[in-house]
Amino acid sequence: MQCRAHVAQLGRMYEKFREAGAEIIVILGDTMERARQYVKSVNAPFPILSDPEREVYRIYELEKYFLLVQRTASLVIDHDGIVRYLKRTTIPNVWLQESREIFGFIDSLNA
């Protein structure tokens, strides 16, 4: 449930991200129906997309570690489509700190 905690924290910080010129999008490697259920459960102010074929997960090397532990990542992609920040992990509890780190990175791009 650390993923939900991270999404909730991003939701609380959403206006700060918007003020910095950033948009948040969450991509779930699951069906549309499961994504809809997730959206209802977290009540996020930003889009949550479904990637049932897990194409985005493959592109960013987020396949399950030892077929058990899901890898997750935070990315910052600029307006030209260039990945400026990428942090992958299999340790979900780092995401609570991650939201502030991502915001700091975005804020530094604006400086």
PDB file of N, CA and C in Angstrom:
ATOM      1  N   MET A   1       0.800  -1.196   0.000  1.00  0.00           N
ATOM      2  CA  MET A   1       0.000   0.000   0.000  1.00  0.00           C
ATOM      3  C   MET A   1       0.849   1.270   0.000  1.00  0.00           C
ATOM      4  N   GLN A   2       2.177   1.137  -0.042  1.00  0.00           N
ATOM      5  CA  GLN A   2       3.045   2.311  -0.115  1.00  0.00           C
ATOM      6  C   GLN A   2       2.790   3.096  -1.398  1.00  0.00           C
ATOM      7  N   CYS A   3       2.434   2.401  -2.473  1.00  0.00           N
ATOM      8  CA  CYS A   3       2.134   3.074  -3.731  1.00  0.00           C
ATOM      9  C   CYS A   3       0.966   4.040  -3.544  1.00  0.00           C
ATOM     10  N   ARG A   4      -0.068   3.595  -2.851  1.00  0.00           N
ATOM     11  CA  ARG A   4      -1.220   4.473  -2.583  1.00  0.00           C
ATOM     12  C   ARG A   4      -0.801   5.674  -1.732  1.00  0.00           C
ATOM     13  N   ALA A   5       0.091   5.451  -0.780  1.00  0.00           N
ATOM     14  CA  ALA A   5       0.570   6.546   0.062  1.00  0.00           C
ATOM     15  C   ALA A   5       1.328   7.570  -0.788  1.00  0.00           C
ATOM     16  N   HIS A   6       2.124   7.089  -1.729  1.00  0.00           N
ATOM     17  CA  HIS A   6       2.869   7.997  -2.601  1.00  0.00           C
ATOM     18  C   HIS A   6       1.915   8.790  -3.488  1.00  0.00           C
ATOM     19  N   VAL A   7       0.925   8.126  -4.075  1.00  0.00           N
ATOM     20  CA  VAL A   7      -0.055   8.810  -4.921  1.00  0.00           C
ATOM     21  C   VAL A   7      -0.832   9.844  -4.098  1.00  0.00           C
ATOM     22  N   ALA A   8      -1.187   9.490  -2.873  1.00  0.00           N
ATOM     23  CA  ALA A   8      -1.890  10.435  -2.003  1.00  0.00           C
ATOM     24  C   ALA A   8      -1.016  11.650  -1.705  1.00  0.00           C
ATOM     25  N   GLN A   9       0.262  11.430  -1.459  1.00  0.00           N
ATOM     26  CA  GLN A   9       1.165  12.547  -1.186  1.00  0.00           C
ATOM     27  C   GLN A   9       1.315  13.423  -2.427  1.00  0.00           C
ATOM     28  N   LEU A  10       1.426  12.805  -3.604  1.00  0.00           N
ATOM     29  CA  LEU A  10       1.486  13.587  -4.837  1.00  0.00           C
ATOM     30  C   LEU A  10       0.217  14.428  -4.994  1.00  0.00           C
ATOM     31  N   GLY A  11      -0.918  13.847  -4.618  1.00  0.00           N
ATOM     32  CA  GLY A  11      -2.178  14.587  -4.668  1.00  0.00           C
ATOM     33  C   GLY A  11      -2.156  15.810  -3.765  1.00  0.00           C
ATOM     34  N   ARG A  12      -1.585  15.658  -2.572  1.00  0.00           N
ATOM     35  CA  ARG A  12      -1.492  16.793  -1.640  1.00  0.00           C
ATOM     36  C   ARG A  12      -0.547  17.876  -2.168  1.00  0.00           C
ATOM     37  N   MET A  13       0.452  17.466  -2.942  1.00  0.00           N
ATOM     38  CA  MET A  13       1.440  18.403  -3.490  1.00  0.00           C
ATOM     39  C   MET A  13       1.086  18.869  -4.901  1.00  0.00           C
ATOM     40  N   TYR A  14      -0.024  18.421  -5.430  1.00  0.00           N
ATOM     41  CA  TYR A  14      -0.362  18.647  -6.831  1.00  0.00           C
ATOM     42  C   TYR A  14      -0.320  20.126  -7.230  1.00  0.00           C
ATOM     43  N   GLU A  15      -0.886  20.999  -6.429  1.00  0.00           N
ATOM     44  CA  GLU A  15      -0.897  22.422  -6.779  1.00  0.00           C
ATOM     45  C   GLU A  15       0.512  22.998  -6.856  1.00  0.00           C
ATOM     46  N   LYS A  16       1.405  22.536  -5.969  1.00  0.00           N
ATOM     47  CA  LYS A  16       2.800  22.993  -6.027  1.00  0.00           C
ATOM     48  C   LYS A  16       3.440  22.564  -7.337  1.00  0.00           C
ATOM     49  N   PHE A  17       3.165  21.326  -7.771  1.00  0.00           N
ATOM     50  CA  PHE A  17       3.705  20.845  -9.041  1.00  0.00           C
ATOM     51  C   PHE A  17       3.155  21.683 -10.197  1.00  0.00           C
ATOM     52  N   ARG A  18       1.847  21.938 -10.169  1.00  0.00           N
ATOM     53  CA  ARG A  18       1.213  22.734 -11.236  1.00  0.00           C
ATOM     54  C   ARG A  18       1.815  24.138 -11.289  1.00  0.00           C
ATOM     55  N   GLU A  19       2.010  24.749 -10.127  1.00  0.00           N
ATOM     56  CA  GLU A  19       2.607  26.084 -10.080  1.00  0.00           C
ATOM     57  C   GLU A  19       4.019  26.088 -10.651  1.00  0.00           C
ATOM     58  N   ALA A  20       4.722  24.957 -10.542  1.00  0.00           N
ATOM     59  CA  ALA A  20       6.077  24.831 -11.093  1.00  0.00           C
ATOM     60  C   ALA A  20       6.057  24.464 -12.574  1.00  0.00           C
ATOM     61  N   GLY A  21       4.855  24.339 -13.154  1.00  0.00           N
ATOM     62  CA  GLY A  21       4.743  24.038 -14.573  1.00  0.00           C
ATOM     63  C   GLY A  21       4.785  22.557 -14.897  1.00  0.00           C
ATOM     64  N   ALA A  22       4.518  21.715 -13.907  1.00  0.00           N
ATOM     65  CA  ALA A  22       4.588  20.265 -14.101  1.00  0.00           C
ATOM     66  C   ALA A  22       3.190  19.658 -14.053  1.00  0.00           C
ATOM     67  N   GLU A  23       3.060  18.502 -14.665  1.00  0.00           N
ATOM     68  CA  GLU A  23       1.825  17.715 -14.611  1.00  0.00           C
ATOM     69  C   GLU A  23       2.184  16.340 -14.070  1.00  0.00           C
ATOM     70  N   ILE A  24       1.284  15.750 -13.327  1.00  0.00           N
ATOM     71  CA  ILE A  24       1.493  14.413 -12.773  1.00  0.00           C
ATOM     72  C   ILE A  24       0.577  13.448 -13.509  1.00  0.00           C
ATOM     73  N   ILE A  25       1.131  12.324 -13.891  1.00  0.00           N
ATOM     74  CA  ILE A  25       0.358  11.237 -14.488  1.00  0.00           C
ATOM     75  C   ILE A  25       0.834   9.945 -13.837  1.00  0.00           C
ATOM     76  N   VAL A  26      -0.092   9.126 -13.393  1.00  0.00           N
ATOM     77  CA  VAL A  26       0.238   7.816 -12.826  1.00  0.00           C
ATOM     78  C   VAL A  26      -0.179   6.767 -13.849  1.00  0.00           C
ATOM     79  N   ILE A  27       0.693   5.791 -14.089  1.00  0.00           N
ATOM     80  CA  ILE A  27       0.394   4.719 -15.031  1.00  0.00           C
ATOM     81  C   ILE A  27       0.415   3.401 -14.280  1.00  0.00           C
ATOM     82  N   LEU A  28      -0.723   2.698 -14.320  1.00  0.00           N
ATOM     83  CA  LEU A  28      -0.836   1.386 -13.681  1.00  0.00           C
ATOM     84  C   LEU A  28      -0.707   0.299 -14.741  1.00  0.00           C
ATOM     85  N   GLY A  29       0.021  -0.720 -14.447  1.00  0.00           N
ATOM     86  CA  GLY A  29       0.153  -1.862 -15.348  1.00  0.00           C
ATOM     87  C   GLY A  29      -0.979  -2.842 -15.121  1.00  0.00           C
ATOM     88  N   ASP A  30      -2.197  -2.363 -15.318  1.00  0.00           N
ATOM     89  CA  ASP A  30      -3.365  -3.178 -15.012  1.00  0.00           C
ATOM     90  C   ASP A  30      -4.490  -2.849 -15.988  1.00  0.00           C
ATOM     91  N   THR A  31      -5.590  -3.536 -15.879  1.00  0.00           N
ATOM     92  CA  THR A  31      -6.734  -3.341 -16.773  1.00  0.00           C
ATOM     93  C   THR A  31      -7.402  -1.995 -16.513  1.00  0.00           C
ATOM     94  N   MET A  32      -8.224  -1.565 -17.475  1.00  0.00           N
ATOM     95  CA  MET A  32      -8.981  -0.325 -17.308  1.00  0.00           C
ATOM     96  C   MET A  32      -9.888  -0.396 -16.083  1.00  0.00           C
ATOM     97  N   GLU A  33     -10.535  -1.534 -15.887  1.00  0.00           N
ATOM     98  CA  GLU A  33     -11.449  -1.676 -14.750  1.00  0.00           C
ATOM     99  C   GLU A  33     -10.706  -1.538 -13.424  1.00  0.00           C
ATOM    100  N   ARG A  34      -9.549  -2.170 -13.309  1.00  0.00           N
ATOM    101  CA  ARG A  34      -8.765  -2.056 -12.064  1.00  0.00           C
ATOM    102  C   ARG A  34      -8.251  -0.623 -11.879  1.00  0.00           C
ATOM    103  N   ALA A  35      -7.892   0.023 -12.991  1.00  0.00           N
ATOM    104  CA  ALA A  35      -7.445   1.417 -12.912  1.00  0.00           C
ATOM    105  C   ALA A  35      -8.597   2.308 -12.433  1.00  0.00           C
ATOM    106  N   ARG A  36      -9.806   2.064 -12.931  1.00  0.00           N
ATOM    107  CA  ARG A  36     -10.973   2.838 -12.475  1.00  0.00           C
ATOM    108  C   ARG A  36     -11.196   2.654 -10.976  1.00  0.00           C
ATOM    109  N   GLN A  37     -11.066   1.423 -10.509  1.00  0.00           N
ATOM    110  CA  GLN A  37     -11.229   1.157  -9.077  1.00  0.00           C
ATOM    111  C   GLN A  37     -10.154   1.891  -8.267  1.00  0.00           C
ATOM    112  N   TYR A  38      -8.939   1.888  -8.777  1.00  0.00           N
ATOM    113  CA  TYR A  38      -7.833   2.569  -8.114  1.00  0.00           C
ATOM    114  C   TYR A  38      -8.113   4.070  -8.038  1.00  0.00           C
ATOM    115  N   VAL A  39      -8.575   4.648  -9.159  1.00  0.00           N
ATOM    116  CA  VAL A  39      -8.895   6.074  -9.201  1.00  0.00           C
ATOM    117  C   VAL A  39      -9.913   6.420  -8.118  1.00  0.00           C
ATOM    118  N   LYS A  40     -10.951   5.620  -8.003  1.00  0.00           N
ATOM    119  CA  LYS A  40     -11.979   5.872  -6.990  1.00  0.00           C
ATOM    120  C   LYS A  40     -11.409   5.768  -5.575  1.00  0.00           C
ATOM    121  N   SER A  41     -10.506   4.836  -5.380  1.00  0.00           N
ATOM    122  CA  SER A  41      -9.989   4.620  -4.026  1.00  0.00           C
ATOM    123  C   SER A  41      -9.010   5.695  -3.570  1.00  0.00           C
ATOM    124  N   VAL A  42      -8.291   6.318  -4.509  1.00  0.00           N
ATOM    125  CA  VAL A  42      -7.295   7.321  -4.105  1.00  0.00           C
ATOM    126  C   VAL A  42      -7.755   8.751  -4.330  1.00  0.00           C
ATOM    127  N   ASN A  43      -8.788   8.951  -5.145  1.00  0.00           N
ATOM    128  CA  ASN A  43      -9.353  10.280  -5.384  1.00  0.00           C
ATOM    129  C   ASN A  43      -8.272  11.297  -5.758  1.00  0.00           C
ATOM    130  N   ALA A  44      -7.429  10.952  -6.726  1.00  0.00           N
ATOM    131  CA  ALA A  44      -6.327  11.815  -7.148  1.00  0.00           C
ATOM    132  C   ALA A  44      -6.825  12.922  -8.081  1.00  0.00           C
ATOM    133  N   PRO A  45      -6.222  14.109  -8.002  1.00  0.00           N
ATOM    134  CA  PRO A  45      -6.621  15.220  -8.862  1.00  0.00           C
ATOM    135  C   PRO A  45      -5.948  15.192 -10.233  1.00  0.00           C
ATOM    136  N   PHE A  46      -5.208  14.145 -10.539  1.00  0.00           N
ATOM    137  CA  PHE A  46      -4.484  14.039 -11.801  1.00  0.00           C
ATOM    138  C   PHE A  46      -4.849  12.725 -12.489  1.00  0.00           C
ATOM    139  N   PRO A  47      -4.518  12.591 -13.771  1.00  0.00           N
ATOM    140  CA  PRO A  47      -4.884  11.370 -14.507  1.00  0.00           C
ATOM    141  C   PRO A  47      -4.154  10.125 -14.008  1.00  0.00           C
ATOM    142  N   ILE A  48      -4.889   9.035 -13.968  1.00  0.00           N
ATOM    143  CA  ILE A  48      -4.309   7.719 -13.691  1.00  0.00           C
ATOM    144  C   ILE A  48      -4.666   6.854 -14.889  1.00  0.00           C
ATOM    145  N   LEU A  49      -3.654   6.405 -15.602  1.00  0.00           N
ATOM    146  CA  LEU A  49      -3.835   5.685 -16.849  1.00  0.00           C
ATOM    147  C   LEU A  49      -3.634   4.190 -16.669  1.00  0.00           C
ATOM    148  N   SER A  50      -4.161   3.447 -17.618  1.00  0.00           N
ATOM    149  CA  SER A  50      -4.053   1.989 -17.602  1.00  0.00           C
ATOM    150  C   SER A  50      -3.094   1.532 -18.695  1.00  0.00           C
ATOM    151  N   ASP A  51      -2.221   0.611 -18.367  1.00  0.00           N
ATOM    152  CA  ASP A  51      -1.272   0.024 -19.325  1.00  0.00           C
ATOM    153  C   ASP A  51      -1.335  -1.496 -19.174  1.00  0.00           C
ATOM    154  N   PRO A  52      -2.465  -2.117 -19.615  1.00  0.00           N
ATOM    155  CA  PRO A  52      -2.642  -3.548 -19.372  1.00  0.00           C
ATOM    156  C   PRO A  52      -1.597  -4.434 -20.052  1.00  0.00           C
ATOM    157  N   GLU A  53      -1.016  -3.965 -21.138  1.00  0.00           N
ATOM    158  CA  GLU A  53       0.038  -4.743 -21.811  1.00  0.00           C
ATOM    159  C   GLU A  53       1.415  -4.456 -21.210  1.00  0.00           C
ATOM    160  N   ARG A  54       1.465  -3.520 -20.281  1.00  0.00           N
ATOM    161  CA  ARG A  54       2.687  -3.147 -19.556  1.00  0.00           C
ATOM    162  C   ARG A  54       3.808  -2.676 -20.485  1.00  0.00           C
ATOM    163  N   GLU A  55       3.415  -2.022 -21.579  1.00  0.00           N
ATOM    164  CA  GLU A  55       4.397  -1.512 -22.546  1.00  0.00           C
ATOM    165  C   GLU A  55       5.288  -0.441 -21.926  1.00  0.00           C
ATOM    166  N   VAL A  56       4.687   0.467 -21.165  1.00  0.00           N
ATOM    167  CA  VAL A  56       5.475   1.520 -20.517  1.00  0.00           C
ATOM    168  C   VAL A  56       6.427   0.901 -19.499  1.00  0.00           C
ATOM    169  N   TYR A  57       5.973  -0.103 -18.804  1.00  0.00           N
ATOM    170  CA  TYR A  57       6.821  -0.791 -17.821  1.00  0.00           C
ATOM    171  C   TYR A  57       8.052  -1.394 -18.513  1.00  0.00           C
ATOM    172  N   ARG A  58       7.852  -1.997 -19.676  1.00  0.00           N
ATOM    173  CA  ARG A  58       8.986  -2.574 -20.409  1.00  0.00           C
ATOM    174  C   ARG A  58       9.943  -1.495 -20.910  1.00  0.00           C
ATOM    175  N   ILE A  59       9.398  -0.409 -21.452  1.00  0.00           N
ATOM    176  CA  ILE A  59      10.241   0.667 -21.973  1.00  0.00           C
ATOM    177  C   ILE A  59      11.194   1.189 -20.901  1.00  0.00           C
ATOM    178  N   TYR A  60      10.689   1.337 -19.686  1.00  0.00           N
ATOM    179  CA  TYR A  60      11.495   1.899 -18.603  1.00  0.00           C
ATOM    180  C   TYR A  60      12.058   0.834 -17.665  1.00  0.00           C
ATOM    181  N   GLU A  61      12.084  -0.420 -18.132  1.00  0.00           N
ATOM    182  CA  GLU A  61      12.687  -1.543 -17.403  1.00  0.00           C
ATOM    183  C   GLU A  61      12.115  -1.693 -16.002  1.00  0.00           C
ATOM    184  N   LEU A  62      10.789  -1.803 -15.929  1.00  0.00           N
ATOM    185  CA  LEU A  62      10.110  -1.928 -14.646  1.00  0.00           C
ATOM    186  C   LEU A  62       9.468  -3.292 -14.455  1.00  0.00           C
ATOM    187  N   GLU A  63      10.001  -4.286 -15.142  1.00  0.00           N
ATOM    188  CA  GLU A  63       9.471  -5.629 -14.959  1.00  0.00           C
ATOM    189  C   GLU A  63       9.683  -6.077 -13.517  1.00  0.00           C
ATOM    190  N   LYS A  64       8.922  -7.062 -13.126  1.00  0.00           N
ATOM    191  CA  LYS A  64       9.043  -7.561 -11.752  1.00  0.00           C
ATOM    192  C   LYS A  64      10.436  -8.150 -11.523  1.00  0.00           C
ATOM    193  N   TYR A  65      10.959  -7.864 -10.357  1.00  0.00           N
ATOM    194  CA  TYR A  65      12.271  -8.342  -9.932  1.00  0.00           C
ATOM    195  C   TYR A  65      12.101  -9.755  -9.385  1.00  0.00           C
ATOM    196  N   PHE A  66      12.814 -10.729  -9.946  1.00  0.00           N
ATOM    197  CA  PHE A  66      12.685 -12.142  -9.568  1.00  0.00           C
ATOM    198  C   PHE A  66      11.239 -12.627  -9.674  1.00  0.00           C
ATOM    199  N   LEU A  67      10.494 -12.016 -10.596  1.00  0.00           N
ATOM    200  CA  LEU A  67       9.097 -12.368 -10.869  1.00  0.00           C
ATOM    201  C   LEU A  67       8.159 -12.136  -9.686  1.00  0.00           C
ATOM    202  N   LEU A  68       8.628 -11.487  -8.629  1.00  0.00           N
ATOM    203  CA  LEU A  68       7.817 -11.276  -7.432  1.00  0.00           C
ATOM    204  C   LEU A  68       7.626  -9.817  -7.059  1.00  0.00           C
ATOM    205  N   VAL A  69       8.693  -9.064  -7.059  1.00  0.00           N
ATOM    206  CA  VAL A  69       8.677  -7.705  -6.534  1.00  0.00           C
ATOM    207  C   VAL A  69       8.550  -6.711  -7.687  1.00  0.00           C
ATOM    208  N   GLN A  70       7.498  -5.914  -7.669  1.00  0.00           N
ATOM    209  CA  GLN A  70       7.274  -4.941  -8.734  1.00  0.00           C
ATOM    210  C   GLN A  70       8.242  -3.778  -8.626  1.00  0.00           C
ATOM    211  N   ARG A  71       8.919  -3.467  -9.718  1.00  0.00           N
ATOM    212  CA  ARG A  71       9.741  -2.264  -9.783  1.00  0.00           C
ATOM    213  C   ARG A  71       8.825  -1.097 -10.126  1.00  0.00           C
ATOM    214  N   THR A  72       9.078   0.034  -9.511  1.00  0.00           N
ATOM    215  CA  THR A  72       8.336   1.243  -9.811  1.00  0.00           C
ATOM    216  C   THR A  72       9.334   2.352 -10.114  1.00  0.00           C
ATOM    217  N   ALA A  73       8.830   3.440 -10.667  1.00  0.00           N
ATOM    218  CA  ALA A  73       9.725   4.543 -11.018  1.00  0.00           C
ATOM    219  C   ALA A  73       8.986   5.858 -10.997  1.00  0.00           C
ATOM    220  N   SER A  74       9.758   6.915 -10.819  1.00  0.00           N
ATOM    221  CA  SER A  74       9.285   8.276 -11.021  1.00  0.00           C
ATOM    222  C   SER A  74      10.114   8.858 -12.152  1.00  0.00           C
ATOM    223  N   LEU A  75       9.441   9.541 -13.059  1.00  0.00           N
ATOM    224  CA  LEU A  75      10.115  10.146 -14.199  1.00  0.00           C
ATOM    225  C   LEU A  75       9.698  11.595 -14.321  1.00  0.00           C
ATOM    226  N   VAL A  76      10.611  12.409 -14.806  1.00  0.00           N
ATOM    227  CA  VAL A  76      10.287  13.765 -15.225  1.00  0.00           C
ATOM    228  C   VAL A  76      10.656  13.822 -16.694  1.00  0.00           C
ATOM    229  N   ILE A  77       9.655  14.109 -17.520  1.00  0.00           N
ATOM    230  CA  ILE A  77       9.847  14.202 -18.967  1.00  0.00           C
ATOM    231  C   ILE A  77       9.556  15.640 -19.359  1.00  0.00           C
ATOM    232  N   ASP A  78      10.504  16.273 -20.066  1.00  0.00           N
ATOM    233  CA  ASP A  78      10.306  17.676 -20.407  1.00  0.00           C
ATOM    234  C   ASP A  78       9.356  17.832 -21.594  1.00  0.00           C
ATOM    235  N   HIS A  79       9.108  19.069 -21.979  1.00  0.00           N
ATOM    236  CA  HIS A  79       8.156  19.365 -23.052  1.00  0.00           C
ATOM    237  C   HIS A  79       8.605  18.818 -24.406  1.00  0.00           C
ATOM    238  N   ASP A  80       9.899  18.511 -24.551  1.00  0.00           N
ATOM    239  CA  ASP A  80      10.415  17.940 -25.789  1.00  0.00           C
ATOM    240  C   ASP A  80      10.419  16.411 -25.764  1.00  0.00           C
ATOM    241  N   GLY A  81       9.897  15.829 -24.685  1.00  0.00           N
ATOM    242  CA  GLY A  81       9.843  14.370 -24.572  1.00  0.00           C
ATOM    243  C   GLY A  81      11.130  13.734 -24.087  1.00  0.00           C
ATOM    244  N   ILE A  82      12.037  14.532 -23.550  1.00  0.00           N
ATOM    245  CA  ILE A  82      13.322  14.021 -23.058  1.00  0.00           C
ATOM    246  C   ILE A  82      13.188  13.695 -21.575  1.00  0.00           C
ATOM    247  N   VAL A  83      13.612  12.494 -21.198  1.00  0.00           N
ATOM    248  CA  VAL A  83      13.587  12.087 -19.793  1.00  0.00           C
ATOM    249  C   VAL A  83      14.712  12.817 -19.080  1.00  0.00           C
ATOM    250  N   ARG A  84      14.338  13.664 -18.144  1.00  0.00           N
ATOM    251  CA  ARG A  84      15.318  14.453 -17.389  1.00  0.00           C
ATOM    252  C   ARG A  84      15.603  13.858 -16.018  1.00  0.00           C
ATOM    253  N   TYR A  85      14.713  13.011 -15.550  1.00  0.00           N
ATOM    254  CA  TYR A  85      14.859  12.414 -14.222  1.00  0.00           C
ATOM    255  C   TYR A  85      14.219  11.041 -14.277  1.00  0.00           C
ATOM    256  N   LEU A  86      14.930  10.047 -13.792  1.00  0.00           N
ATOM    257  CA  LEU A  86      14.393   8.683 -13.721  1.00  0.00           C
ATOM    258  C   LEU A  86      14.962   8.018 -12.481  1.00  0.00           C
ATOM    259  N   LYS A  87      14.063   7.569 -11.623  1.00  0.00           N
ATOM    260  CA  LYS A  87      14.494   6.855 -10.422  1.00  0.00           C
ATOM    261  C   LYS A  87      13.639   5.608 -10.288  1.00  0.00           C
ATOM    262  N   ARG A  88      14.286   4.443 -10.381  1.00  0.00           N
ATOM    263  CA  ARG A  88      13.601   3.156 -10.233  1.00  0.00           C
ATOM    264  C   ARG A  88      13.882   2.599  -8.843  1.00  0.00           C
ATOM    265  N   THR A  89      12.944   1.804  -8.355  1.00  0.00           N
ATOM    266  CA  THR A  89      13.171   1.150  -7.071  1.00  0.00           C
ATOM    267  C   THR A  89      12.302  -0.090  -6.940  1.00  0.00           C
ATOM    268  N   THR A  90      12.710  -0.973  -6.068  1.00  0.00           N
ATOM    269  CA  THR A  90      11.876  -2.108  -5.660  1.00  0.00           C
ATOM    270  C   THR A  90      11.500  -1.966  -4.188  1.00  0.00           C
ATOM    271  N   ILE A  91      11.933  -0.877  -3.571  1.00  0.00           N
ATOM    272  CA  ILE A  91      11.650  -0.630  -2.158  1.00  0.00           C
ATOM    273  C   ILE A  91      10.565   0.442  -2.086  1.00  0.00           C
ATOM    274  N   PRO A  92       9.324   0.046  -1.877  1.00  0.00           N
ATOM    275  CA  PRO A  92       8.228   1.011  -1.977  1.00  0.00           C
ATOM    276  C   PRO A  92       8.233   2.125  -0.953  1.00  0.00           C
ATOM    277  N   ASN A  93       8.828   1.948   0.205  1.00  0.00           N
ATOM    278  CA  ASN A  93       8.733   2.998   1.227  1.00  0.00           C
ATOM    279  C   ASN A  93       9.573   4.231   0.912  1.00  0.00           C
ATOM    280  N   VAL A  94      10.427   4.201  -0.117  1.00  0.00           N
ATOM    281  CA  VAL A  94      11.190   5.399  -0.471  1.00  0.00           C
ATOM    282  C   VAL A  94      10.315   6.441  -1.138  1.00  0.00           C
ATOM    283  N   TRP A  95       9.124   6.079  -1.563  1.00  0.00           N
ATOM    284  CA  TRP A  95       8.286   7.004  -2.325  1.00  0.00           C
ATOM    285  C   TRP A  95       7.760   8.156  -1.490  1.00  0.00           C
ATOM    286  N   LEU A  96       7.657   8.002  -0.201  1.00  0.00           N
ATOM    287  CA  LEU A  96       7.181   9.113   0.619  1.00  0.00           C
ATOM    288  C   LEU A  96       8.181  10.274   0.587  1.00  0.00           C
ATOM    289  N   GLN A  97       9.457   9.978   0.536  1.00  0.00           N
ATOM    290  CA  GLN A  97      10.498  10.990   0.386  1.00  0.00           C
ATOM    291  C   GLN A  97      10.583  11.437  -1.072  1.00  0.00           C
ATOM    292  N   GLU A  98      10.272  10.534  -1.976  1.00  0.00           N
ATOM    293  CA  GLU A  98      10.433  10.769  -3.407  1.00  0.00           C
ATOM    294  C   GLU A  98       9.639  11.967  -3.923  1.00  0.00           C
ATOM    295  N   SER A  99       8.440  12.178  -3.448  1.00  0.00           N
ATOM    296  CA  SER A  99       7.612  13.295  -3.922  1.00  0.00           C
ATOM    297  C   SER A  99       8.331  14.623  -3.735  1.00  0.00           C
ATOM    298  N   ARG A 100       8.925  14.813  -2.584  1.00  0.00           N
ATOM    299  CA  ARG A 100       9.651  16.061  -2.326  1.00  0.00           C
ATOM    300  C   ARG A 100      10.892  16.164  -3.205  1.00  0.00           C
ATOM    301  N   GLU A 101      11.569  15.037  -3.437  1.00  0.00           N
ATOM    302  CA  GLU A 101      12.760  15.039  -4.280  1.00  0.00           C
ATOM    303  C   GLU A 101      12.401  15.401  -5.728  1.00  0.00           C
ATOM    304  N   ILE A 102      11.321  14.842  -6.227  1.00  0.00           N
ATOM    305  CA  ILE A 102      10.884  15.152  -7.591  1.00  0.00           C
ATOM    306  C   ILE A 102      10.549  16.633  -7.699  1.00  0.00           C
ATOM    307  N   PHE A 103       9.804  17.156  -6.730  1.00  0.00           N
ATOM    308  CA  PHE A 103       9.456  18.571  -6.773  1.00  0.00           C
ATOM    309  C   PHE A 103      10.712  19.429  -6.759  1.00  0.00           C
ATOM    310  N   GLY A 104      11.680  19.092  -5.927  1.00  0.00           N
ATOM    311  CA  GLY A 104      12.936  19.843  -5.884  1.00  0.00           C
ATOM    312  C   GLY A 104      13.643  19.827  -7.224  1.00  0.00           C
ATOM    313  N   PHE A 105      13.620  18.679  -7.906  1.00  0.00           N
ATOM    314  CA  PHE A 105      14.247  18.583  -9.217  1.00  0.00           C
ATOM    315  C   PHE A 105      13.524  19.486 -10.215  1.00  0.00           C
ATOM    316  N   ILE A 106      12.201  19.413 -10.236  1.00  0.00           N
ATOM    317  CA  ILE A 106      11.419  20.255 -11.161  1.00  0.00           C
ATOM    318  C   ILE A 106      11.653  21.730 -10.865  1.00  0.00           C
ATOM    319  N   ASP A 107      11.669  22.087  -9.605  1.00  0.00           N
ATOM    320  CA  ASP A 107      11.895  23.463  -9.217  1.00  0.00           C
ATOM    321  C   ASP A 107      13.275  23.936  -9.680  1.00  0.00           C
ATOM    322  N   SER A 108      14.278  23.054  -9.619  1.00  0.00           N
ATOM    323  CA  SER A 108      15.625  23.426 -10.071  1.00  0.00           C
ATOM    324  C   SER A 108      15.671  23.643 -11.591  1.00  0.00           C
ATOM    325  N   LEU A 109      14.819  22.938 -12.331  1.00  0.00           N
ATOM    326  CA  LEU A 109      14.769  23.146 -13.782  1.00  0.00           C
ATOM    327  C   LEU A 109      14.245  24.537 -14.117  1.00  0.00           C
ATOM    328  N   ASN A 110      13.390  25.064 -13.260  1.00  0.00           N
ATOM    329  CA  ASN A 110      12.802  26.384 -13.489  1.00  0.00           C
ATOM    330  C   ASN A 110      13.742  27.514 -13.094  1.00  0.00           C
ATOM    331  N   ALA A 111      14.779  27.185 -12.307  1.00  0.00           N
ATOM    332  CA  ALA A 111      15.701  28.232 -11.819  1.00  0.00           C
ATOM    333  C   ALA A 111      16.686  28.668 -12.888  1.00  0.00           C
TER     334      ALA A 111
END
